[in-house]
């Protein structure tokens, strides 16, 4: 049963609208409907914070964080989340209480949590936010217009061994270095869960265009159809081209074994569209395993970077094990080195002969 409720009664002016809702025209919010069982990824939910847990702050659509208090009214987006270091959850709502899965404003049902995480912030859904016709408002309605992947744009993929391996830092650093070298650069996050940290990090680099999957209408790419994720990446690249960008640095979230990331890397349309791939890893073993996984997909990483690059000894181990050079954040930020890396990619990249080398520690390159 659906019960319309007036906005004045249902959506208080002081409600905190999360980052996940940032593209939504709030003037379209005309009612609330009691249709929680029918909620799907991207549907807007008005909720009341019942108990503050792991996420003690919410990232607002305005671009700042706000402390959460019990009793706060929040507008979040129903969504799935995959984060091995935090929560895994599904886009399911429970009228008795649902879970805030991400600070960027994702609500659903937690299935798993990392042992270091406390229980999630609990939010009671009061209804789905609907328009004047009573239709639920979904973030997908406000996505960028569809666009085709531009021909001739240089696209650099940034992947990693896991969450928090250094992918975002590498993406931002390389975007900054190429911008300083005179390129018109796009910094794009193609997959993940909606949050403003990465978007802000990319915006600070001087990139001419910054975008992420939320701009393509997805609050999270976890459990989304592969075709939709690929179309979203094409749209982001297309809009980057419209802004005059010549080069795009594209981050794929989580590790190469995560379902959507693995599927994307196996998709010729995506894999073959990369002029080069940068791999971020926390240590030499992860670097060796990641390179082996990529080579099994016929992807030869151009460089290694990430947390491993903070350790000279770890970097030496990784280079010996993989035959791939390690670059630090500072090196990626340097315009001369960033430009040289770009030239390397455009000239054919790392020699595939290096992939046949077996290191002293016995790891197949």
Protein backbone atom coordinates (compact mmCIF):
# COMPACT_ATOMS: atom_id res chain seq x y z
CA UNK A 1 0.00 0.00 0.00
CA UNK A 2 1.23 3.49 -0.89
CA UNK A 3 0.42 6.48 1.31
CA UNK A 4 1.35 9.94 -0.04
CA UNK A 5 2.50 12.41 2.63
CA UNK A 6 2.95 16.14 2.13
CA UNK A 7 6.50 17.45 1.95
CA UNK A 8 5.95 19.88 4.81
CA UNK A 9 4.96 16.96 7.02
CA UNK A 10 7.45 14.46 5.62
CA UNK A 11 10.67 16.24 4.59
CA UNK A 12 11.72 18.84 7.15
CA UNK A 13 13.71 21.80 5.93
CA UNK A 14 16.57 20.78 8.22
CA UNK A 15 16.87 17.31 6.69
CA UNK A 16 20.45 16.46 5.75
CA UNK A 17 20.71 15.52 2.06
CA UNK A 18 23.66 13.20 1.47
CA UNK A 19 26.32 13.39 -1.23
CA UNK A 20 24.59 10.51 -3.01
CA UNK A 21 21.66 12.87 -3.73
CA UNK A 22 23.79 15.75 -5.00
CA UNK A 23 22.45 15.76 -8.56
CA UNK A 24 18.80 15.57 -7.52
CA UNK A 25 16.59 18.65 -7.99
CA UNK A 26 15.09 18.99 -4.54
CA UNK A 27 12.16 20.94 -5.92
CA UNK A 28 10.99 17.68 -7.51
CA UNK A 29 10.45 16.15 -4.06
CA UNK A 30 6.70 16.44 -3.58
CA UNK A 31 5.67 13.54 -1.36
CA UNK A 32 6.66 10.47 0.58
CA UNK A 33 5.36 7.02 -0.24
CA UNK A 34 5.27 3.94 1.94
CA UNK A 35 6.67 1.47 -0.59
CA UNK A 36 9.85 0.33 1.13
CA UNK A 37 9.56 -3.24 -0.13
CA UNK A 38 9.72 -1.96 -3.71
CA UNK A 39 12.81 0.20 -3.17
CA UNK A 40 15.71 -0.37 -5.51
CA UNK A 41 19.25 0.95 -5.96
CA UNK A 42 19.24 4.73 -6.32
CA UNK A 43 15.79 5.39 -4.83
CA UNK A 44 15.78 8.29 -2.37
CA UNK A 45 14.80 7.55 1.23
CA UNK A 46 13.87 9.93 4.01
CA UNK A 47 15.05 8.45 7.30
CA UNK A 48 15.43 9.28 10.97
CA UNK A 49 18.70 8.44 12.66
CA UNK A 50 17.90 6.02 15.46
CA UNK A 51 21.41 5.25 16.70
CA UNK A 52 24.78 6.67 15.68
CA UNK A 53 27.23 3.86 15.01
CA UNK A 54 30.29 3.46 12.83
CA UNK A 55 29.53 6.42 10.59
CA UNK A 56 29.34 9.37 12.93
CA UNK A 57 29.27 11.91 10.12
CA UNK A 58 27.43 12.21 6.86
CA UNK A 59 28.88 13.68 3.67
CA UNK A 60 26.44 16.32 2.51
CA UNK A 61 25.43 17.17 -1.04
CA UNK A 62 26.86 20.63 -0.38
CA UNK A 63 30.34 19.13 -0.14
CA UNK A 64 31.02 19.16 3.59
CA UNK A 65 30.61 16.68 6.42
CA UNK A 66 28.01 17.00 9.16
CA UNK A 67 27.98 15.34 12.56
CA UNK A 68 25.10 12.93 13.03
CA UNK A 69 22.83 12.91 16.05
CA UNK A 70 20.05 10.56 17.06
CA UNK A 71 16.83 12.07 15.74
CA UNK A 72 18.42 13.69 12.67
CA UNK A 73 16.37 13.54 9.47
CA UNK A 74 18.47 12.44 6.51
CA UNK A 75 17.84 11.90 2.80
CA UNK A 76 19.89 8.95 1.58
CA UNK A 77 19.94 6.71 -1.48
CA UNK A 78 19.10 3.03 -1.27
CA UNK A 79 22.08 1.06 -2.53
CA UNK A 80 24.45 -1.88 -2.36
CA UNK A 81 27.96 -1.59 -1.00
CA UNK A 82 31.13 -3.64 -1.33
CA UNK A 83 33.98 -2.60 0.98
CA UNK A 84 36.14 -5.40 2.43
CA UNK A 85 37.64 -2.98 4.96
CA UNK A 86 34.20 -1.78 6.10
CA UNK A 87 30.78 -3.16 5.14
CA UNK A 88 29.14 -5.31 2.52
CA UNK A 89 25.43 -4.61 2.20
CA UNK A 90 22.42 -4.91 -0.05
CA UNK A 91 19.90 -2.39 -1.36
CA UNK A 92 17.12 -3.59 0.94
CA UNK A 93 15.06 -1.54 3.39
CA UNK A 94 13.41 -2.55 6.65
CA UNK A 95 10.76 -0.29 8.13
CA UNK A 96 11.99 -1.14 11.63
CA UNK A 97 15.49 0.07 10.86
CA UNK A 98 18.09 -0.04 8.10
CA UNK A 99 21.85 0.46 7.97
CA UNK A 100 23.87 3.44 6.81
CA UNK A 101 26.41 1.62 4.67
CA UNK A 102 28.58 4.59 3.64
CA UNK A 103 29.19 8.15 4.78
CA UNK A 104 28.28 9.37 1.31
CA UNK A 105 24.68 8.45 2.05
CA UNK A 106 23.91 4.84 1.14
CA UNK A 107 21.22 2.97 3.05
CA UNK A 108 20.49 -0.75 2.94
CA UNK A 109 20.99 -3.97 4.88
CA UNK A 110 24.45 -4.85 6.12
CA UNK A 111 25.48 -8.46 5.55
CA UNK A 112 29.14 -8.43 6.60
CA UNK A 113 31.46 -6.06 8.41
CA UNK A 114 35.18 -5.94 9.03
CA UNK A 115 36.08 -6.88 12.59
CA UNK A 116 37.51 -3.43 13.31
CA UNK A 117 34.23 -1.75 12.36
CA UNK A 118 31.56 -1.06 14.95
CA UNK A 119 27.93 -1.67 14.07
CA UNK A 120 26.56 0.66 11.37
CA UNK A 121 24.58 3.78 12.08
CA UNK A 122 20.94 2.75 12.30
CA UNK A 123 18.34 4.71 10.33
CA UNK A 124 14.57 4.21 10.38
CA UNK A 125 13.18 4.71 6.84
CA UNK A 126 10.11 6.96 6.89
CA UNK A 127 9.32 6.58 3.19
CA UNK A 128 10.58 6.89 -0.33
CA UNK A 129 10.86 10.43 -1.68
CA UNK A 130 8.49 10.83 -4.62
CA UNK A 131 7.57 13.46 -7.21
CA UNK A 132 4.23 15.13 -7.86
CA UNK A 133 2.96 12.07 -9.72
CA UNK A 134 3.80 9.82 -6.79
CA UNK A 135 6.73 8.14 -8.54
CA UNK A 136 9.81 7.40 -6.43
CA UNK A 137 12.73 9.69 -7.20
CA UNK A 138 15.82 7.81 -8.29
CA UNK A 139 19.28 9.34 -8.70
CA UNK A 140 19.43 7.81 -12.17
CA UNK A 141 16.86 10.34 -13.34
CA UNK A 142 19.44 13.10 -12.96
CA UNK A 143 22.36 11.38 -14.64
CA UNK A 144 24.44 12.99 -17.35
CA UNK A 145 23.04 12.56 -20.82
CA UNK A 146 24.25 9.39 -22.50
CA UNK A 147 27.42 9.81 -24.53
CA UNK A 148 29.58 7.54 -26.64
CA UNK A 149 33.18 6.73 -25.86
CA UNK A 150 35.28 9.27 -27.77
CA UNK A 151 37.56 8.05 -30.53
CA UNK A 152 41.21 8.95 -30.07
CA UNK A 153 41.19 9.81 -26.38
CA UNK A 154 44.08 8.34 -24.39
CA UNK A 155 42.65 6.41 -21.43
CA UNK A 156 44.86 5.24 -18.57
CA UNK A 157 43.44 2.64 -16.21
CA UNK A 158 44.36 2.59 -12.53
CA UNK A 159 43.64 -0.67 -10.70
CA UNK A 160 44.88 -2.21 -7.49
CA UNK A 161 45.21 -5.27 -5.34
CA UNK A 162 42.60 -4.18 -2.83
CA UNK A 163 40.74 -1.36 -1.18
CA UNK A 164 43.18 1.20 0.28
CA UNK A 165 46.09 0.06 -1.88
CA UNK A 166 46.73 3.60 -3.15
CA UNK A 167 44.64 3.79 -6.34
CA UNK A 168 43.02 7.15 -5.67
CA UNK A 169 46.33 8.73 -4.67
CA UNK A 170 47.92 7.38 -7.86
CA UNK A 171 45.03 8.59 -10.02
CA UNK A 172 45.17 12.07 -8.51
CA UNK A 173 48.96 12.27 -8.71
CA UNK A 174 49.11 11.21 -12.36
CA UNK A 175 46.26 13.57 -13.29
CA UNK A 176 48.16 16.37 -11.57
CA UNK A 177 51.45 15.52 -13.26
CA UNK A 178 49.89 15.36 -16.70
CA UNK A 179 48.02 18.63 -16.09
CA UNK A 180 51.31 20.30 -15.16
CA UNK A 181 52.81 18.85 -18.35
CA UNK A 182 50.20 20.78 -20.34
CA UNK A 183 47.64 18.06 -21.02
CA UNK A 184 43.92 18.60 -20.72
CA UNK A 185 43.18 15.78 -18.31
CA UNK A 186 40.04 14.09 -17.01
CA UNK A 187 40.15 12.31 -13.64
CA UNK A 188 37.37 9.73 -13.44
CA UNK A 189 36.25 7.14 -10.90
CA UNK A 190 34.35 4.50 -12.85
CA UNK A 191 33.27 2.19 -10.03
CA UNK A 192 32.77 2.18 -6.27
CA UNK A 193 30.34 3.58 -3.71
CA UNK A 194 29.24 7.21 -3.75
CA UNK A 195 31.41 9.45 -1.55
CA UNK A 196 32.96 12.84 -2.09
CA UNK A 197 36.50 12.14 -0.90
CA UNK A 198 37.78 10.86 -4.22
CA UNK A 199 35.90 13.48 -6.24
CA UNK A 200 37.42 16.23 -4.11
CA UNK A 201 40.88 14.68 -4.40
CA UNK A 202 40.57 14.65 -8.18
CA UNK A 203 39.24 18.22 -8.29
CA UNK A 204 42.30 19.42 -6.38
CA UNK A 205 44.68 18.13 -9.07
CA UNK A 206 43.93 20.78 -11.68
CA UNK A 207 42.16 18.28 -13.91
CA UNK A 208 39.95 19.89 -16.54
CA UNK A 209 37.13 17.43 -15.92
CA UNK A 210 36.24 15.36 -12.86
CA UNK A 211 33.48 12.77 -12.79
CA UNK A 212 32.40 9.57 -11.15
CA UNK A 213 29.75 6.88 -11.49
CA UNK A 214 27.25 8.95 -9.47
CA UNK A 215 27.29 11.44 -12.35
CA UNK A 216 26.28 8.49 -14.55
CA UNK A 217 23.29 7.78 -12.30
CA UNK A 218 24.57 5.04 -9.99
CA UNK A 219 24.81 5.45 -6.23
CA UNK A 220 27.04 2.36 -6.24
CA UNK A 221 28.29 0.09 -8.99
CA UNK A 222 28.24 -3.02 -6.79
CA UNK A 223 25.79 -5.59 -8.22
CA UNK A 224 24.92 -3.31 -11.14
CA UNK A 225 24.71 -4.90 -14.60
CA UNK A 226 28.04 -4.85 -16.41
CA UNK A 227 26.44 -3.17 -19.41
CA UNK A 228 25.29 -0.27 -17.26
CA UNK A 229 28.73 0.23 -15.72
CA UNK A 230 30.41 0.18 -19.14
CA UNK A 231 27.82 2.61 -20.51
CA UNK A 232 28.45 4.86 -17.52
CA UNK A 233 32.19 4.89 -18.20
CA UNK A 234 31.54 5.66 -21.87
CA UNK A 235 29.30 8.57 -20.82
CA UNK A 236 31.91 9.99 -18.45
CA UNK A 237 34.60 9.76 -21.13
CA UNK A 238 32.27 11.32 -23.67
CA UNK A 239 31.57 14.30 -21.42
CA UNK A 240 35.28 14.62 -20.67
CA UNK A 241 35.89 14.89 -24.42
CA UNK A 242 33.22 17.59 -24.65
CA UNK A 243 35.28 19.53 -22.11
CA UNK A 244 38.26 19.28 -24.42
CA UNK A 245 40.13 16.57 -22.52
CA UNK A 246 42.80 14.65 -24.40
CA UNK A 247 43.74 12.18 -21.66
CA UNK A 248 41.60 10.44 -19.03
CA UNK A 249 42.94 8.75 -15.91
CA UNK A 250 40.30 6.22 -14.81
CA UNK A 251 40.24 4.49 -11.43
CA UNK A 252 38.48 1.17 -10.91
CA UNK A 253 37.58 0.56 -7.26
CA UNK A 254 38.62 -2.25 -4.93
CA UNK A 255 40.88 -5.08 -6.11
CA UNK A 256 41.22 -6.94 -9.38
CA UNK A 257 39.32 -9.91 -7.91
CA UNK A 258 36.23 -7.84 -6.99
CA UNK A 259 33.37 -9.01 -9.21
CA UNK A 260 32.66 -5.83 -11.18
CA UNK A 261 36.34 -4.89 -11.53
CA UNK A 262 37.22 -8.38 -12.74
CA UNK A 263 34.35 -8.35 -15.23
CA UNK A 264 35.40 -4.96 -16.59
CA UNK A 265 38.99 -6.07 -17.07
CA UNK A 266 37.78 -9.14 -18.93
CA UNK A 267 35.62 -7.03 -21.25
CA UNK A 268 37.54 -6.30 -24.48
CA UNK A 269 35.71 -3.01 -24.96
CA UNK A 270 37.11 -1.79 -21.64
CA UNK A 271 40.45 -3.61 -21.48
CA UNK A 272 41.46 -2.77 -25.03
CA UNK A 273 40.37 0.82 -24.50
CA UNK A 274 43.18 1.41 -22.01
CA UNK A 275 46.36 2.84 -23.50
CA UNK A 276 48.10 1.66 -20.36
CA UNK A 277 47.37 0.30 -16.89
CA UNK A 278 48.85 1.43 -13.58
CA UNK A 279 48.76 -1.08 -10.71
CA UNK A 280 48.68 -0.06 -7.04
CA UNK A 281 49.68 -2.49 -4.32
CA UNK A 282 50.57 -2.36 -0.61
CA UNK A 283 53.54 -4.75 -0.74
CA UNK A 284 55.71 -6.84 -3.03
CA UNK A 285 53.66 -10.03 -2.71
CA UNK A 286 50.47 -8.20 -3.67
CA UNK A 287 52.32 -6.56 -6.54
CA UNK A 288 53.55 -9.93 -7.84
CA UNK A 289 50.14 -11.55 -7.49
CA UNK A 290 48.40 -8.59 -9.09
CA UNK A 291 50.76 -8.53 -12.05
CA UNK A 292 50.23 -12.25 -12.56
CA UNK A 293 46.45 -11.76 -12.47
CA UNK A 294 46.63 -8.91 -14.98
CA UNK A 295 48.95 -10.83 -17.29
CA UNK A 296 46.49 -13.72 -17.29
CA UNK A 297 44.10 -11.20 -18.87
CA UNK A 298 46.78 -10.11 -21.37
CA UNK A 299 47.27 -6.82 -19.54
CA UNK A 300 50.89 -5.77 -18.99
CA UNK A 301 51.05 -3.12 -16.24
CA UNK A 302 53.12 -0.10 -17.18
CA UNK A 303 54.19 0.72 -13.64
CA UNK A 304 53.61 -0.25 -10.02
CA UNK A 305 52.69 2.34 -7.44
CA UNK A 306 50.59 2.73 -4.31
CA UNK A 307 51.62 1.96 -0.76
CA UNK A 308 54.49 -0.22 -1.99
CA UNK A 309 56.19 2.90 -3.36
CA UNK A 310 56.60 4.27 0.19
CA UNK A 311 59.13 1.53 0.94
CA UNK A 312 62.44 1.49 -0.96
CA UNK A 313 63.07 -2.10 0.11
CA UNK A 314 59.54 -3.17 -0.76
CA UNK A 315 59.83 -1.43 -4.13
CA UNK A 316 63.08 -3.26 -4.89
CA UNK A 317 61.45 -6.58 -4.03
CA UNK A 318 58.45 -5.80 -6.21
CA UNK A 319 60.57 -4.77 -9.18
CA UNK A 320 62.67 -7.93 -8.88
CA UNK A 321 59.59 -10.11 -8.66
CA UNK A 322 57.64 -8.52 -11.51
CA UNK A 323 60.06 -6.77 -13.84
CA UNK A 324 57.86 -3.67 -13.54
CA UNK A 325 59.15 -0.28 -12.43
CA UNK A 326 57.79 1.30 -9.23
CA UNK A 327 56.85 5.00 -9.29
CA UNK A 328 56.16 7.08 -6.20
CA UNK A 329 53.43 9.66 -5.79
CA UNK A 330 55.99 12.44 -6.16
CA UNK A 331 57.24 10.93 -9.40
CA UNK A 332 53.72 10.76 -10.81
CA UNK A 333 53.16 14.39 -9.83
CA UNK A 334 56.32 15.46 -11.66
CA UNK A 335 55.34 16.75 -15.12
CA UNK A 336 58.45 15.40 -16.86
CA UNK A 337 58.04 11.91 -15.42
CA UNK A 338 54.28 11.88 -15.96
CA UNK A 339 54.81 12.94 -19.57
CA UNK A 340 57.48 10.27 -20.07
CA UNK A 341 55.07 7.65 -18.74
CA UNK A 342 52.40 8.84 -21.16
CA UNK A 343 54.85 8.65 -24.07
CA UNK A 344 55.81 5.13 -22.97
CA UNK A 345 52.17 4.09 -23.07
CA UNK A 346 51.53 5.64 -26.46
CA UNK A 347 54.63 4.07 -27.94
CA UNK A 348 53.47 0.57 -27.16
CA UNK A 349 54.03 0.30 -23.44
CA UNK A 350 56.10 -2.16 -21.50
CA UNK A 351 57.67 -4.91 -23.55
CA UNK A 352 55.66 -8.11 -23.33
CA UNK A 353 58.96 -9.97 -23.36
CA UNK A 354 59.40 -8.82 -19.77
CA UNK A 355 56.31 -10.79 -18.85
CA UNK A 356 58.20 -14.02 -19.58
CA UNK A 357 60.86 -13.28 -16.98
CA UNK A 358 60.85 -15.42 -13.85
CA UNK A 359 62.25 -13.57 -10.87
CA UNK A 360 64.77 -14.82 -8.37
CA UNK A 361 61.95 -15.51 -5.91
CA UNK A 362 60.24 -17.77 -8.42
CA UNK A 363 57.18 -15.62 -9.19
CA UNK A 364 56.11 -15.89 -12.84
CA UNK A 365 56.10 -12.37 -14.32
